[in-house]
Amino acid sequence: MTMLTILDLAKSFGAKGDENGNVSAGEIYKAGFDMIGGCQDCGATIAAYNAYPSRTGYWKCGDCIGEHGFKTVQEFVKHLNSEINKESKTDERP
């Protein structure tokens, strides 16, 4: 099963490739994502092209993502909006 990567998300949020299709770290950052991070589970250093956003809110590597990732950008956005809504409800004061 193919999971959505951080690079996929960056492209969908506006990161542009050069004439060869390569996306720079600057473009990834402008789209709102980091280029390098670490796997939540094993601590491996991962980059946007092999880092998977997970339902825990952290990145995971290909070995650790399991069923915790997303298949589409729409699925990611729906989950993100759900988490934001949960957060805003816990911030409400009586």
N, C-alpha and C. Protein backbone atom coordinates (compact mmCIF):
# COMPACT_ATOMS: atom_id res chain seq x y z
N MET A 1 0.84 -1.18 0.00
CA MET A 1 0.00 0.00 0.00
C MET A 1 0.89 1.24 0.00
N THR A 2 0.58 2.18 -0.87
CA THR A 2 1.35 3.41 -0.97
C THR A 2 0.80 4.44 0.02
N MET A 3 1.70 4.97 0.82
CA MET A 3 1.32 6.00 1.79
C MET A 3 1.80 7.36 1.31
N LEU A 4 1.12 8.37 1.74
CA LEU A 4 1.42 9.75 1.45
C LEU A 4 2.70 10.17 2.16
N THR A 5 3.60 10.85 1.44
CA THR A 5 4.83 11.35 2.04
C THR A 5 4.70 12.85 2.34
N ILE A 6 5.65 13.35 3.10
CA ILE A 6 5.72 14.79 3.35
C ILE A 6 5.94 15.54 2.04
N LEU A 7 6.75 14.98 1.14
CA LEU A 7 6.97 15.62 -0.16
C LEU A 7 5.66 15.71 -0.95
N ASP A 8 4.86 14.66 -0.93
CA ASP A 8 3.55 14.70 -1.59
C ASP A 8 2.70 15.84 -1.02
N LEU A 9 2.70 15.95 0.30
CA LEU A 9 1.93 17.02 0.94
C LEU A 9 2.46 18.39 0.54
N ALA A 10 3.78 18.55 0.57
CA ALA A 10 4.37 19.84 0.21
C ALA A 10 3.98 20.24 -1.21
N LYS A 11 4.03 19.30 -2.14
CA LYS A 11 3.63 19.59 -3.52
C LYS A 11 2.16 19.99 -3.58
N SER A 12 1.33 19.30 -2.84
CA SER A 12 -0.10 19.61 -2.88
C SER A 12 -0.41 20.96 -2.23
N PHE A 13 0.50 21.42 -1.36
CA PHE A 13 0.32 22.71 -0.71
C PHE A 13 1.15 23.80 -1.38
N GLY A 14 1.62 23.54 -2.62
CA GLY A 14 2.22 24.60 -3.41
C GLY A 14 3.70 24.52 -3.70
N ALA A 15 4.44 23.55 -3.19
CA ALA A 15 5.87 23.43 -3.49
C ALA A 15 6.02 23.13 -4.98
N LYS A 16 6.85 23.90 -5.65
CA LYS A 16 7.06 23.75 -7.09
C LYS A 16 8.41 23.11 -7.38
N GLY A 17 8.42 22.27 -8.39
CA GLY A 17 9.66 21.66 -8.84
C GLY A 17 10.36 22.56 -9.83
N ASP A 18 11.68 22.33 -10.01
CA ASP A 18 12.43 23.07 -11.01
C ASP A 18 12.18 22.45 -12.39
N GLU A 19 12.94 22.87 -13.39
CA GLU A 19 12.72 22.37 -14.75
C GLU A 19 12.90 20.86 -14.87
N ASN A 20 13.62 20.24 -13.91
CA ASN A 20 13.80 18.79 -13.90
C ASN A 20 12.80 18.08 -12.97
N GLY A 21 11.94 18.86 -12.33
CA GLY A 21 10.96 18.28 -11.42
C GLY A 21 11.45 18.14 -9.99
N ASN A 22 12.67 18.57 -9.71
CA ASN A 22 13.21 18.48 -8.36
C ASN A 22 12.66 19.60 -7.49
N VAL A 23 12.26 19.25 -6.28
CA VAL A 23 11.70 20.22 -5.35
C VAL A 23 12.76 20.53 -4.29
N SER A 24 13.09 21.80 -4.14
CA SER A 24 14.12 22.22 -3.19
C SER A 24 13.59 22.26 -1.77
N ALA A 25 14.52 22.25 -0.83
CA ALA A 25 14.15 22.37 0.59
C ALA A 25 13.42 23.69 0.83
N GLY A 26 13.84 24.74 0.13
CA GLY A 26 13.17 26.03 0.27
C GLY A 26 11.71 25.99 -0.15
N GLU A 27 11.44 25.28 -1.24
CA GLU A 27 10.05 25.13 -1.70
C GLU A 27 9.23 24.33 -0.69
N ILE A 28 9.83 23.28 -0.16
CA ILE A 28 9.13 22.46 0.84
C ILE A 28 8.82 23.30 2.07
N TYR A 29 9.79 24.10 2.50
CA TYR A 29 9.60 24.96 3.67
C TYR A 29 8.52 26.02 3.40
N LYS A 30 8.54 26.62 2.20
CA LYS A 30 7.52 27.62 1.86
C LYS A 30 6.11 27.03 1.88
N ALA A 31 6.01 25.73 1.59
CA ALA A 31 4.70 25.06 1.61
C ALA A 31 4.27 24.71 3.02
N GLY A 32 5.15 24.94 4.00
CA GLY A 32 4.77 24.72 5.40
C GLY A 32 5.31 23.45 6.03
N PHE A 33 6.30 22.83 5.39
CA PHE A 33 6.84 21.56 5.89
C PHE A 33 8.36 21.65 6.04
N ASP A 34 8.91 20.78 6.86
CA ASP A 34 10.35 20.68 7.01
C ASP A 34 10.90 19.68 6.02
N MET A 35 12.20 19.79 5.74
CA MET A 35 12.85 18.88 4.80
C MET A 35 13.34 17.62 5.51
N ILE A 36 13.83 17.77 6.73
CA ILE A 36 14.42 16.65 7.46
C ILE A 36 13.77 16.54 8.83
N GLY A 37 13.59 15.31 9.28
CA GLY A 37 13.04 15.05 10.60
C GLY A 37 13.47 13.69 11.07
N GLY A 38 12.79 13.21 12.07
CA GLY A 38 13.12 11.89 12.62
C GLY A 38 11.87 11.07 12.82
N CYS A 39 12.04 9.76 12.71
CA CYS A 39 10.91 8.85 12.91
C CYS A 39 10.53 8.83 14.38
N GLN A 40 9.26 8.96 14.65
CA GLN A 40 8.74 8.94 16.02
C GLN A 40 9.09 7.64 16.72
N ASP A 41 9.07 6.53 16.01
CA ASP A 41 9.24 5.23 16.65
C ASP A 41 10.70 4.81 16.78
N CYS A 42 11.44 4.80 15.67
CA CYS A 42 12.80 4.26 15.72
C CYS A 42 13.89 5.32 15.75
N GLY A 43 13.52 6.58 15.51
CA GLY A 43 14.49 7.66 15.57
C GLY A 43 15.32 7.85 14.31
N ALA A 44 15.04 7.09 13.26
CA ALA A 44 15.80 7.23 12.01
C ALA A 44 15.66 8.64 11.45
N THR A 45 16.73 9.15 10.87
CA THR A 45 16.67 10.43 10.18
C THR A 45 15.96 10.20 8.86
N ILE A 46 14.95 11.00 8.58
CA ILE A 46 14.18 10.87 7.36
C ILE A 46 14.00 12.23 6.72
N ALA A 47 13.84 12.24 5.40
CA ALA A 47 13.64 13.48 4.65
C ALA A 47 12.25 13.46 4.04
N ALA A 48 11.86 14.58 3.48
CA ALA A 48 10.50 14.74 2.97
C ALA A 48 10.08 13.62 2.02
N TYR A 49 11.00 13.10 1.24
CA TYR A 49 10.63 12.08 0.25
C TYR A 49 10.39 10.70 0.86
N ASN A 50 10.92 10.44 2.08
CA ASN A 50 10.71 9.13 2.71
C ASN A 50 10.17 9.26 4.14
N ALA A 51 9.54 10.38 4.40
CA ALA A 51 8.91 10.63 5.70
C ALA A 51 7.41 10.61 5.50
N TYR A 52 6.74 9.92 6.39
CA TYR A 52 5.29 9.76 6.28
C TYR A 52 4.60 10.43 7.46
N PRO A 53 3.64 11.34 7.19
CA PRO A 53 2.88 11.92 8.30
C PRO A 53 2.00 10.83 8.90
N SER A 54 1.91 10.81 10.22
CA SER A 54 1.12 9.77 10.87
C SER A 54 -0.06 10.37 11.63
N ARG A 55 -0.95 9.51 12.01
CA ARG A 55 -2.14 9.94 12.76
C ARG A 55 -1.79 10.39 14.17
N THR A 56 -0.57 10.14 14.61
CA THR A 56 -0.13 10.60 15.92
C THR A 56 0.32 12.05 15.88
N GLY A 57 0.48 12.59 14.65
CA GLY A 57 0.96 13.96 14.50
C GLY A 57 2.45 14.05 14.26
N TYR A 58 3.13 12.94 14.26
CA TYR A 58 4.58 12.91 14.04
C TYR A 58 4.90 12.17 12.76
N TRP A 59 6.12 12.37 12.28
CA TRP A 59 6.60 11.64 11.11
C TRP A 59 7.01 10.23 11.50
N LYS A 60 6.88 9.32 10.55
CA LYS A 60 7.38 7.96 10.73
C LYS A 60 8.08 7.53 9.45
N CYS A 61 9.01 6.60 9.58
CA CYS A 61 9.71 6.06 8.41
C CYS A 61 8.86 4.96 7.77
N GLY A 62 9.30 4.47 6.63
CA GLY A 62 8.57 3.44 5.92
C GLY A 62 8.42 2.15 6.70
N ASP A 63 9.41 1.83 7.54
CA ASP A 63 9.33 0.61 8.33
C ASP A 63 8.34 0.73 9.49
N CYS A 64 8.13 1.93 9.97
CA CYS A 64 7.31 2.13 11.18
C CYS A 64 5.90 2.66 10.91
N ILE A 65 5.62 3.18 9.71
CA ILE A 65 4.33 3.83 9.48
C ILE A 65 3.16 2.86 9.59
N GLY A 66 3.32 1.63 9.16
CA GLY A 66 2.23 0.66 9.28
C GLY A 66 0.92 1.21 8.75
N GLU A 67 -0.13 1.10 9.54
CA GLU A 67 -1.45 1.60 9.16
C GLU A 67 -1.74 2.99 9.75
N HIS A 68 -0.69 3.66 10.23
CA HIS A 68 -0.86 4.96 10.90
C HIS A 68 -0.77 6.14 9.95
N GLY A 69 -0.56 5.88 8.65
CA GLY A 69 -0.39 6.95 7.68
C GLY A 69 -1.66 7.27 6.91
N PHE A 70 -1.47 8.00 5.84
CA PHE A 70 -2.58 8.46 5.01
C PHE A 70 -2.32 8.05 3.56
N LYS A 71 -3.40 7.73 2.85
CA LYS A 71 -3.28 7.34 1.45
C LYS A 71 -3.42 8.53 0.51
N THR A 72 -4.16 9.55 0.94
CA THR A 72 -4.42 10.71 0.08
C THR A 72 -4.27 12.01 0.88
N VAL A 73 -4.09 13.08 0.14
CA VAL A 73 -4.03 14.41 0.76
C VAL A 73 -5.37 14.71 1.43
N GLN A 74 -6.46 14.34 0.78
CA GLN A 74 -7.79 14.60 1.34
C GLN A 74 -7.97 13.90 2.69
N GLU A 75 -7.48 12.67 2.78
CA GLU A 75 -7.57 11.92 4.03
C GLU A 75 -6.76 12.62 5.13
N PHE A 76 -5.58 13.12 4.76
CA PHE A 76 -4.73 13.86 5.71
C PHE A 76 -5.44 15.12 6.19
N VAL A 77 -5.97 15.90 5.26
CA VAL A 77 -6.64 17.17 5.60
C VAL A 77 -7.86 16.92 6.48
N LYS A 78 -8.64 15.90 6.15
CA LYS A 78 -9.81 15.56 6.97
C LYS A 78 -9.39 15.23 8.41
N HIS A 79 -8.32 14.44 8.55
CA HIS A 79 -7.82 14.08 9.88
C HIS A 79 -7.32 15.33 10.61
N LEU A 80 -6.57 16.16 9.91
CA LEU A 80 -6.04 17.38 10.50
C LEU A 80 -7.16 18.29 10.99
N ASN A 81 -8.17 18.47 10.17
CA ASN A 81 -9.32 19.31 10.57
C ASN A 81 -10.04 18.72 11.78
N SER A 82 -10.14 17.41 11.82
CA SER A 82 -10.77 16.74 12.96
C SER A 82 -9.98 16.99 14.24
N GLU A 83 -8.67 16.91 14.13
CA GLU A 83 -7.82 17.16 15.30
C GLU A 83 -7.89 18.61 15.75
N ILE A 84 -7.95 19.53 14.79
CA ILE A 84 -8.07 20.95 15.13
C ILE A 84 -9.40 21.21 15.83
N ASN A 85 -10.47 20.60 15.34
CA ASN A 85 -11.78 20.76 15.97
C ASN A 85 -11.79 20.21 17.39
N LYS A 86 -11.15 19.05 17.59
CA LYS A 86 -11.06 18.48 18.95
C LYS A 86 -10.32 19.44 19.87
N GLU A 87 -9.23 19.98 19.37
CA GLU A 87 -8.40 20.90 20.16
C GLU A 87 -9.17 22.16 20.53
N SER A 88 -9.91 22.70 19.57
CA SER A 88 -10.64 23.94 19.86
C SER A 88 -11.76 23.70 20.87
N LYS A 89 -12.34 22.52 20.87
CA LYS A 89 -13.39 22.22 21.85
C LYS A 89 -12.82 22.08 23.25
N THR A 90 -11.60 21.58 23.38
CA THR A 90 -10.99 21.45 24.71
C THR A 90 -10.54 22.80 25.24
N ASP A 91 -10.37 23.77 24.33
CA ASP A 91 -9.95 25.11 24.74
C ASP A 91 -11.12 25.99 25.18
N GLU A 92 -12.35 25.54 24.93
CA GLU A 92 -13.51 26.34 25.30
C GLU A 92 -13.66 26.43 26.80
N ARG A 93 -14.01 27.59 27.24
CA ARG A 93 -14.24 27.83 28.67
C ARG A 93 -15.73 27.78 28.97
N PRO A 94 -16.12 27.22 30.09
CA PRO A 94 -17.56 27.18 30.44
C PRO A 94 -18.11 28.56 30.74
